[in-house]
Amino acid sequence: MRKITCKGENLLEKELKGSFNFFNKEINKNKKSKGYGLIRDKSKIALEIASIASVGYGLASLVIGVERKWISYPNAYERAKRTLDTFLNNMEETNGFFYHFINMETAKREWNSEVSIIDTAIFICGAILVGEYFKGQVKQKADKLYKNINWSWYLDKKTNQFYMGYSKEKGFFGHWDMYAEQLMLYILAVASPTFPVEVSTYDDFEKPVGNYKGIKDIIYTYCGTLFTYQYSHVWIDFRNRKDKNGINWFENSTKATLANRKYCIENSKKYKTFGKNSWGLTACIGPKGYSGGFGAMPALSMLEENDGTISPSGVAGSIVFTPKLSIQALEYYYNHFPKLWCQYGFKDAYNLDGQKPWYSQECIGIDKGISMLMIENYLSGLIWKYFMKNQYVIKGLEKLNIRQETKEVEKV
């Protein structure tokens, strides 16, 4: 067992720097390449495959890096500008939307991946952030990319819901028909100066409500996986805000996070990995590969994907909702499981429920991204500070009538 050498904010800063290193190293820095600025979907991958969501988080890492003096302002500005040029000039796109996975060298589609609305949104949130931070040409390019997105094209007019995906082989498929990580879509889409959608799209996705072990009135996601309660919140500061129906999305994520922890405690006899300091069920790599189905109650699914796998990104990405409990869990991981640590901070996941303990050998960009940005928001509010300055974000919140209150946020 490793002796505790790092805890509290020191551990958070250690994980923050490790996550920054992922985005600083797993990136195409060849200025002659069409894929300059593209960032790997995950480390140790044999192929040169990037994800556009990983690039969105990587852009945000530049803001953190400058503020913490891990990268110079001129170098970060240049990287942000050139990365946005890659998306403006070299990337395959459809109506302003980009493919989920792309080749890091050619900037072309990989794995027959879909034209992804949610991953485009994560990327464009990163672009908006660096635009607000660096200003100048970076902001001009970010604004152009945002204005190029034809949100109405991705909307099913019959249901007034966004489709889940699109590919040229099979057209549109699925729907964002219930609450998940997509809140950012409505804020960005209703505020678009070029291709807006109606405010009613925010009203027309289902918001199922459930309880779990005394935690009441949770608007829950399909399988109760934590990233769905985190991804929009990393950019948009929902603290002390309610919509016209009285929904406080920040409080909702706090309750869902507490339910996730309670579920892990309640099932600690079934899964050896689970416990009061080992919780945070979220999408991650498990012993059988990547799964988006690791989750907790309340949920629509039967949680059949659960096998004992826990990802540190689940608690790190929840730190703004449950800071004390998240820090306790991160200290537990660091102190008890040295094999869970690498040059990029915490590896993606671990599982104690097989014949022998299993540890992921990889780090996933989106999991390092949610950990990095949420930790920074907890420590300084940096991401919220600049993202919330954007005129379109302000306009989107106003149009959706998501209004500021004065209530203080309780730290759990």
Protein backbone atom coordinates (compact mmCIF):
# COMPACT_ATOMS: atom_id res chain seq x y z
CA MET A 1 0.00 0.00 0.00
CA ARG A 2 1.28 3.44 -0.92
CA LYS A 3 1.81 5.81 2.00
CA ILE A 4 -0.33 8.93 1.58
CA THR A 5 1.88 11.59 0.04
CA CYS A 6 -0.83 13.71 -1.51
CA LYS A 7 -4.34 14.63 -0.38
CA GLY A 8 -6.94 17.34 -0.59
CA GLU A 9 -6.16 20.20 -2.96
CA ASN A 10 -2.63 18.90 -3.53
CA LEU A 11 -4.07 15.69 -4.95
CA LEU A 12 -6.57 17.64 -7.04
CA GLU A 13 -3.77 19.72 -8.53
CA LYS A 14 -1.75 16.56 -9.18
CA GLU A 15 -4.68 15.02 -11.08
CA LEU A 16 -5.25 18.35 -12.84
CA LYS A 17 -1.67 18.46 -14.10
CA GLY A 18 -1.77 14.80 -15.14
CA SER A 19 -4.94 15.40 -17.13
CA PHE A 20 -3.40 18.48 -18.75
CA ASN A 21 -0.41 16.33 -19.75
CA PHE A 22 -2.77 13.98 -21.63
CA PHE A 23 -4.01 16.82 -23.83
CA ASN A 24 -0.52 18.28 -24.19
CA LYS A 25 1.08 15.00 -25.30
CA GLU A 26 -1.61 12.94 -27.06
CA ILE A 27 -1.95 15.63 -29.73
CA ASN A 28 -0.84 16.21 -33.30
CA LYS A 29 1.61 19.13 -33.09
CA ASN A 30 2.88 18.82 -36.66
CA LYS A 31 2.10 22.21 -38.21
CA LYS A 32 2.41 20.72 -41.70
CA SER A 33 -0.27 18.10 -40.99
CA LYS A 34 -3.91 18.50 -42.00
CA GLY A 35 -4.79 17.15 -38.56
CA TYR A 36 -2.88 19.70 -36.50
CA GLY A 37 -4.42 20.04 -33.03
CA LEU A 38 -6.38 16.77 -33.15
CA ILE A 39 -6.19 14.78 -29.91
CA ARG A 40 -6.38 11.04 -29.42
CA ASP A 41 -9.58 9.45 -28.27
CA LYS A 42 -7.52 7.49 -25.75
CA SER A 43 -3.91 6.76 -24.86
CA LYS A 44 -2.13 3.57 -25.95
CA ILE A 45 -4.37 3.30 -29.01
CA ALA A 46 -2.61 1.58 -31.88
CA LEU A 47 -4.21 3.73 -34.56
CA GLU A 48 -4.03 7.50 -34.92
CA ILE A 49 -7.67 8.06 -33.98
CA ALA A 50 -8.87 11.35 -32.52
CA SER A 51 -12.28 12.30 -31.16
CA ILE A 52 -13.73 15.76 -31.62
CA ALA A 53 -14.93 15.78 -28.00
CA SER A 54 -11.38 15.15 -26.87
CA VAL A 55 -10.33 18.19 -28.93
CA GLY A 56 -12.98 20.29 -27.18
CA TYR A 57 -11.56 19.39 -23.80
CA GLY A 58 -8.06 19.89 -25.15
CA LEU A 59 -8.90 23.46 -26.15
CA ALA A 60 -10.11 24.07 -22.61
CA SER A 61 -6.86 22.66 -21.26
CA LEU A 62 -5.03 25.57 -22.92
CA VAL A 63 -6.91 28.05 -20.76
CA ILE A 64 -6.04 26.07 -17.63
CA GLY A 65 -2.44 25.67 -18.79
CA VAL A 66 -1.93 29.39 -19.32
CA GLU A 67 -3.46 30.31 -15.97
CA ARG A 68 -1.31 27.73 -14.16
CA LYS A 69 1.81 28.60 -16.21
CA TRP A 70 2.14 25.15 -17.75
CA ILE A 71 2.14 26.65 -21.25
CA SER A 72 2.92 30.16 -22.42
CA TYR A 73 0.13 32.45 -23.60
CA PRO A 74 1.62 32.88 -27.12
CA ASN A 75 2.02 29.11 -27.59
CA ALA A 76 -1.48 28.40 -26.31
CA TYR A 77 -2.98 31.14 -28.49
CA GLU A 78 -1.23 29.76 -31.57
CA ARG A 79 -2.33 26.19 -30.83
CA ALA A 80 -5.94 27.27 -30.31
CA LYS A 81 -5.95 29.31 -33.53
CA ARG A 82 -4.37 26.56 -35.64
CA THR A 83 -6.67 23.90 -34.18
CA LEU A 84 -9.73 25.93 -35.15
CA ASP A 85 -8.20 26.35 -38.62
CA THR A 86 -8.06 22.56 -38.88
CA PHE A 87 -11.81 22.42 -38.27
CA LEU A 88 -12.54 25.30 -40.62
CA ASN A 89 -10.37 24.13 -43.51
CA ASN A 90 -9.52 20.42 -43.32
CA MET A 91 -12.24 18.52 -41.49
CA GLU A 92 -15.10 16.65 -43.13
CA GLU A 93 -18.38 18.19 -41.98
CA THR A 94 -22.09 18.14 -42.73
CA ASN A 95 -24.15 21.26 -42.09
CA GLY A 96 -21.53 22.42 -39.61
CA PHE A 97 -21.47 19.12 -37.67
CA PHE A 98 -18.35 16.95 -37.50
CA TYR A 99 -17.68 13.23 -37.42
CA HIS A 100 -17.23 11.69 -33.98
CA PHE A 101 -13.89 9.98 -34.74
CA ILE A 102 -11.30 11.23 -37.21
CA ASN A 103 -7.81 10.35 -38.38
CA MET A 104 -5.25 12.49 -36.58
CA GLU A 105 -3.12 12.92 -39.70
CA THR A 106 -5.66 13.30 -42.49
CA ALA A 107 -8.60 14.82 -40.53
CA LYS A 108 -10.87 12.34 -42.32
CA ARG A 109 -13.63 10.17 -40.89
CA GLU A 110 -12.66 6.92 -39.14
CA TRP A 111 -14.52 3.74 -38.11
CA ASN A 112 -17.59 4.71 -40.18
CA SER A 113 -18.41 6.98 -37.25
CA GLU A 114 -21.49 9.17 -37.14
CA VAL A 115 -21.85 12.87 -37.71
CA SER A 116 -22.31 13.61 -34.02
CA ILE A 117 -24.42 16.43 -32.62
CA ILE A 118 -23.33 15.92 -29.00
CA ASP A 119 -19.62 15.58 -29.76
CA THR A 120 -19.79 18.59 -32.07
CA ALA A 121 -21.39 20.47 -29.17
CA ILE A 122 -18.58 19.49 -26.78
CA PHE A 123 -16.03 20.62 -29.35
CA ILE A 124 -17.81 23.90 -30.00
CA CYS A 125 -18.06 24.57 -26.25
CA GLY A 126 -14.27 24.26 -26.10
CA ALA A 127 -14.01 26.59 -29.09
CA ILE A 128 -16.34 29.13 -27.47
CA LEU A 129 -14.26 28.99 -24.28
CA VAL A 130 -10.93 29.71 -25.98
CA GLY A 131 -12.64 32.42 -28.03
CA GLU A 132 -13.72 34.21 -24.87
CA TYR A 133 -10.32 33.72 -23.23
CA PHE A 134 -7.92 34.54 -26.07
CA LYS A 135 -10.17 36.91 -28.08
CA GLY A 136 -8.78 38.17 -31.43
CA GLN A 137 -8.57 35.68 -34.30
CA VAL A 138 -9.38 32.79 -31.97
CA LYS A 139 -12.76 34.29 -31.14
CA GLN A 140 -13.44 35.13 -34.78
CA LYS A 141 -12.79 31.54 -35.82
CA ALA A 142 -14.81 30.10 -32.93
CA ASP A 143 -17.76 32.33 -33.83
CA LYS A 144 -17.58 31.21 -37.46
CA LEU A 145 -17.59 27.54 -36.49
CA TYR A 146 -20.58 28.10 -34.19
CA LYS A 147 -22.53 30.04 -36.83
CA ASN A 148 -21.87 27.29 -39.39
CA ILE A 149 -23.87 24.75 -37.35
CA ASN A 150 -27.34 24.16 -38.80
CA TRP A 151 -29.12 23.01 -35.66
CA SER A 152 -32.51 22.84 -37.38
CA TRP A 153 -31.15 20.27 -39.88
CA TYR A 154 -30.51 17.86 -36.98
CA LEU A 155 -34.03 18.29 -35.56
CA ASP A 156 -36.84 15.80 -36.15
CA LYS A 157 -39.73 18.12 -36.93
CA LYS A 158 -42.30 15.42 -36.08
CA THR A 159 -41.13 14.94 -32.50
CA ASN A 160 -39.43 18.32 -32.03
CA GLN A 161 -36.45 16.40 -30.66
CA PHE A 162 -32.90 16.30 -31.88
CA TYR A 163 -31.84 13.09 -33.55
CA MET A 164 -29.19 11.09 -31.73
CA GLY A 165 -26.94 10.59 -34.75
CA TYR A 166 -26.55 10.75 -38.51
CA SER A 167 -24.49 8.86 -41.05
CA LYS A 168 -24.48 9.01 -44.82
CA GLU A 169 -25.03 5.25 -44.91
CA LYS A 170 -28.25 5.12 -42.86
CA GLY A 171 -29.38 8.70 -42.39
CA PHE A 172 -30.69 9.94 -39.05
CA PHE A 173 -31.19 7.54 -36.14
CA GLY A 174 -32.36 7.69 -32.54
CA HIS A 175 -33.55 10.72 -30.62
CA TRP A 176 -32.50 12.79 -27.65
CA ASP A 177 -35.90 11.92 -26.24
CA MET A 178 -35.15 12.10 -22.50
CA TYR A 179 -32.85 13.91 -20.13
CA ALA A 180 -29.15 13.13 -20.46
CA GLU A 181 -25.99 15.13 -21.13
CA GLN A 182 -27.54 17.24 -23.90
CA LEU A 183 -28.66 20.41 -22.05
CA MET A 184 -25.89 22.29 -23.84
CA LEU A 185 -27.58 21.56 -27.17
CA TYR A 186 -30.67 23.63 -26.40
CA ILE A 187 -28.74 26.61 -25.06
CA LEU A 188 -26.48 26.69 -28.10
CA ALA A 189 -29.23 25.94 -30.62
CA VAL A 190 -31.91 28.42 -29.53
CA ALA A 191 -29.33 31.23 -29.46
CA SER A 192 -27.91 30.57 -32.92
CA PRO A 193 -27.91 33.74 -35.05
CA THR A 194 -27.96 31.65 -38.23
CA PHE A 195 -29.89 28.37 -37.75
CA PRO A 196 -31.87 28.56 -34.49
CA VAL A 197 -34.48 26.12 -33.23
CA GLU A 198 -37.57 26.93 -31.21
CA VAL A 199 -37.49 27.14 -27.42
CA SER A 200 -40.05 24.32 -27.39
CA THR A 201 -37.30 21.78 -28.19
CA TYR A 202 -36.19 22.22 -24.57
CA ASP A 203 -39.73 21.43 -23.42
CA ASP A 204 -40.23 18.40 -25.65
CA PHE A 205 -37.74 15.90 -24.25
CA GLU A 206 -38.92 13.65 -21.41
CA LYS A 207 -37.86 14.44 -17.86
CA PRO A 208 -38.71 11.29 -15.85
CA VAL A 209 -38.66 11.73 -12.07
CA GLY A 210 -37.70 9.04 -9.57
CA ASN A 211 -36.53 8.47 -6.01
CA TYR A 212 -33.81 6.33 -4.50
CA LYS A 213 -33.30 5.49 -0.82
CA GLY A 214 -34.77 8.73 0.50
CA ILE A 215 -33.30 10.96 -2.23
CA LYS A 216 -36.39 12.34 -3.89
CA ASP A 217 -37.45 13.88 -7.18
CA ILE A 218 -34.41 13.12 -9.31
CA ILE A 219 -34.84 13.81 -13.02
CA TYR A 220 -32.90 10.78 -14.14
CA THR A 221 -31.18 9.42 -17.22
CA TYR A 222 -31.67 6.11 -18.99
CA CYS A 223 -29.11 4.06 -17.06
CA GLY A 224 -28.14 6.48 -14.31
CA THR A 225 -24.58 6.93 -15.54
CA LEU A 226 -22.88 9.97 -14.02
CA PHE A 227 -21.37 11.60 -17.10
CA THR A 228 -24.90 12.46 -18.25
CA TYR A 229 -25.28 14.66 -15.17
CA GLN A 230 -21.89 16.30 -15.72
CA TYR A 231 -21.11 17.13 -19.35
CA SER A 232 -23.28 20.22 -19.80
CA HIS A 233 -22.40 21.46 -16.31
CA VAL A 234 -18.69 21.57 -17.03
CA TRP A 235 -19.29 24.53 -19.35
CA ILE A 236 -22.53 26.08 -18.10
CA ASP A 237 -22.76 27.33 -14.55
CA PHE A 238 -26.21 26.15 -13.48
CA ARG A 239 -25.64 26.98 -9.83
CA ASN A 240 -28.54 28.88 -8.28
CA ARG A 241 -30.51 28.81 -11.54
CA LYS A 242 -34.04 27.57 -12.14
CA ASP A 243 -35.97 27.21 -15.35
CA LYS A 244 -39.58 28.27 -15.83
CA ASN A 245 -40.77 24.96 -14.40
CA GLY A 246 -38.71 25.36 -11.25
CA ILE A 247 -36.01 22.86 -12.25
CA ASN A 248 -32.59 23.51 -10.77
CA TRP A 249 -30.30 21.34 -12.87
CA PHE A 250 -27.34 21.78 -10.53
CA GLU A 251 -29.33 20.51 -7.55
CA ASN A 252 -30.62 17.68 -9.72
CA SER A 253 -27.07 16.56 -10.55
CA THR A 254 -26.15 16.77 -6.87
CA LYS A 255 -29.04 14.47 -5.95
CA ALA A 256 -28.20 12.05 -8.76
CA THR A 257 -24.57 11.96 -7.60
CA LEU A 258 -25.62 11.20 -4.01
CA ALA A 259 -27.93 8.46 -5.31
CA ASN A 260 -25.05 7.00 -7.33
CA ARG A 261 -22.88 6.82 -4.21
CA LYS A 262 -25.71 5.35 -2.12
CA TYR A 263 -26.31 2.71 -4.81
CA CYS A 264 -22.65 1.68 -4.63
CA ILE A 265 -22.81 1.44 -0.84
CA GLU A 266 -26.04 -0.58 -1.00
CA ASN A 267 -24.46 -2.98 -3.52
CA SER A 268 -21.03 -3.28 -1.86
CA LYS A 269 -21.74 -6.92 -0.89
CA LYS A 270 -22.52 -7.76 -4.51
CA TYR A 271 -19.46 -5.98 -5.96
CA LYS A 272 -16.16 -5.92 -4.08
CA THR A 273 -15.10 -2.74 -5.89
CA PHE A 274 -18.06 -0.74 -4.57
CA GLY A 275 -18.09 1.12 -1.27
CA LYS A 276 -18.51 4.44 0.50
CA ASN A 277 -15.25 5.70 -1.02
CA SER A 278 -15.40 3.72 -4.26
CA TRP A 279 -18.35 4.95 -6.25
CA GLY A 280 -19.16 7.11 -9.25
CA LEU A 281 -20.59 4.72 -11.85
CA THR A 282 -20.10 6.26 -15.27
CA ALA A 283 -19.21 5.36 -18.85
CA CYS A 284 -15.64 4.03 -19.03
CA ILE A 285 -13.42 1.13 -20.05
CA GLY A 286 -14.14 -2.12 -18.21
CA PRO A 287 -12.57 -5.59 -18.35
CA LYS A 288 -14.75 -6.39 -21.38
CA GLY A 289 -14.13 -3.06 -23.12
CA TYR A 290 -15.82 0.32 -23.18
CA SER A 291 -19.37 0.57 -21.83
CA GLY A 292 -21.75 3.49 -21.51
CA GLY A 293 -24.08 1.39 -19.37
CA PHE A 294 -22.37 1.45 -15.97
CA GLY A 295 -24.88 3.29 -13.81
CA ALA A 296 -27.04 3.55 -10.72
CA MET A 297 -30.63 4.01 -9.68
CA PRO A 298 -32.92 5.69 -10.48
CA ALA A 299 -32.77 4.51 -14.07
CA LEU A 300 -34.96 3.09 -16.83
CA SER A 301 -32.61 0.23 -17.66
CA MET A 302 -31.99 -2.78 -15.41
CA LEU A 303 -28.33 -1.79 -14.93
CA GLU A 304 -27.27 -5.06 -16.52
CA GLU A 305 -23.93 -3.59 -17.59
CA ASN A 306 -22.63 -3.24 -14.04
CA ASP A 307 -19.82 -5.66 -13.25
CA GLY A 308 -17.94 -3.85 -10.48
CA THR A 309 -16.08 -1.39 -12.70
CA ILE A 310 -15.45 2.04 -11.19
CA SER A 311 -13.89 5.06 -12.93
CA PRO A 312 -12.19 7.85 -10.95
CA SER A 313 -13.66 10.26 -13.49
CA GLY A 314 -17.08 9.56 -12.01
CA VAL A 315 -16.20 11.20 -8.69
CA ALA A 316 -13.76 13.74 -10.15
CA GLY A 317 -16.43 14.91 -12.59
CA SER A 318 -18.85 15.25 -9.67
CA ILE A 319 -16.58 17.33 -7.47
CA VAL A 320 -18.58 20.55 -7.90
CA PHE A 321 -21.70 18.70 -6.72
CA THR A 322 -20.20 16.66 -3.85
CA PRO A 323 -16.75 18.11 -3.11
CA LYS A 324 -16.09 16.48 0.27
CA LEU A 325 -17.26 13.04 -0.81
CA SER A 326 -15.43 13.25 -4.15
CA ILE A 327 -12.14 14.26 -2.53
CA GLN A 328 -12.43 11.41 0.00
CA ALA A 329 -12.91 8.95 -2.85
CA LEU A 330 -9.98 10.32 -4.88
CA GLU A 331 -7.74 10.05 -1.80
CA TYR A 332 -8.90 6.46 -1.36
CA TYR A 333 -8.01 5.58 -4.94
CA TYR A 334 -4.61 7.24 -4.72
CA ASN A 335 -3.72 5.70 -1.36
CA HIS A 336 -4.92 2.15 -1.93
CA PHE A 337 -4.40 1.48 -5.64
CA PRO A 338 -1.01 2.62 -6.98
CA LYS A 339 -1.64 0.67 -10.20
CA LEU A 340 -4.49 3.08 -10.91
CA TRP A 341 -2.05 5.98 -11.33
CA CYS A 342 0.02 6.92 -14.38
CA GLN A 343 1.69 9.88 -16.09
CA TYR A 344 -1.78 11.29 -16.87
CA GLY A 345 -3.08 11.00 -13.32
CA PHE A 346 -5.73 8.38 -12.66
CA LYS A 347 -6.17 5.70 -15.29
CA ASP A 348 -9.64 5.20 -16.66
CA ALA A 349 -11.02 2.51 -14.33
CA TYR A 350 -10.47 -0.46 -12.08
CA ASN A 351 -12.38 -3.59 -11.06
CA LEU A 352 -11.77 -5.93 -8.11
CA ASP A 353 -14.54 -8.39 -8.96
CA GLY A 354 -12.71 -10.77 -11.30
CA GLN A 355 -10.31 -13.59 -10.42
CA LYS A 356 -7.66 -10.92 -9.95
CA PRO A 357 -7.79 -7.11 -9.74
CA TRP A 358 -8.09 -5.41 -13.11
CA TYR A 359 -6.78 -1.93 -13.96
CA SER A 360 -7.29 -0.12 -17.24
CA GLN A 361 -4.04 0.52 -19.08
CA GLU A 362 -5.55 3.46 -20.92
CA CYS A 363 -6.79 6.97 -20.34
CA ILE A 364 -9.78 8.25 -22.33
CA GLY A 365 -9.76 11.88 -23.46
CA ILE A 366 -13.36 12.62 -22.47
CA ASP A 367 -12.83 11.12 -19.00
CA LYS A 368 -9.61 13.06 -18.42
CA GLY A 369 -11.40 16.11 -19.78
CA ILE A 370 -14.39 15.95 -17.44
CA SER A 371 -12.04 15.34 -14.49
CA MET A 372 -9.73 18.23 -15.43
CA LEU A 373 -12.41 20.84 -16.09
CA MET A 374 -14.59 20.00 -13.12
CA ILE A 375 -11.60 20.06 -10.76
CA GLU A 376 -10.62 23.46 -12.17
CA ASN A 377 -14.16 24.72 -11.76
CA TYR A 378 -14.14 23.54 -8.15
CA LEU A 379 -10.78 25.15 -7.42
CA SER A 380 -11.20 28.42 -9.29
CA GLY A 381 -14.39 28.54 -11.39
CA LEU A 382 -12.16 29.30 -14.39
CA ILE A 383 -14.09 27.43 -17.08
CA TRP A 384 -17.44 28.83 -15.94
CA LYS A 385 -15.99 32.33 -15.68
CA TYR A 386 -15.06 32.61 -19.35
CA PHE A 387 -17.68 30.37 -20.95
CA MET A 388 -20.50 32.26 -19.26
CA LYS A 389 -19.25 35.54 -20.77
CA ASN A 390 -20.26 34.41 -24.27
CA GLN A 391 -23.13 36.43 -25.73
CA TYR A 392 -24.81 33.39 -27.25
CA VAL A 393 -24.64 31.39 -24.03
CA ILE A 394 -26.19 34.33 -22.18
CA LYS A 395 -28.85 34.65 -24.88
CA GLY A 396 -29.61 30.91 -24.82
CA LEU A 397 -30.15 30.87 -21.08
CA GLU A 398 -32.37 33.93 -21.32
CA LYS A 399 -34.47 32.45 -24.13
CA LEU A 400 -34.93 29.21 -22.17
CA ASN A 401 -35.81 31.28 -19.10
CA ILE A 402 -33.13 29.62 -16.96
CA ARG A 403 -32.78 32.38 -14.42
CA GLN A 404 -30.32 33.22 -11.66
CA GLU A 405 -31.43 32.96 -8.03
CA THR A 406 -29.62 34.08 -4.88
CA LYS A 407 -29.58 30.79 -2.94
CA GLU A 408 -26.19 29.60 -1.72
CA VAL A 409 -24.92 26.21 -2.92
CA GLU A 410 -24.55 23.69 -0.11
CA LYS A 411 -21.31 21.68 -0.20
CA VAL A 412 -21.75 17.96 0.44
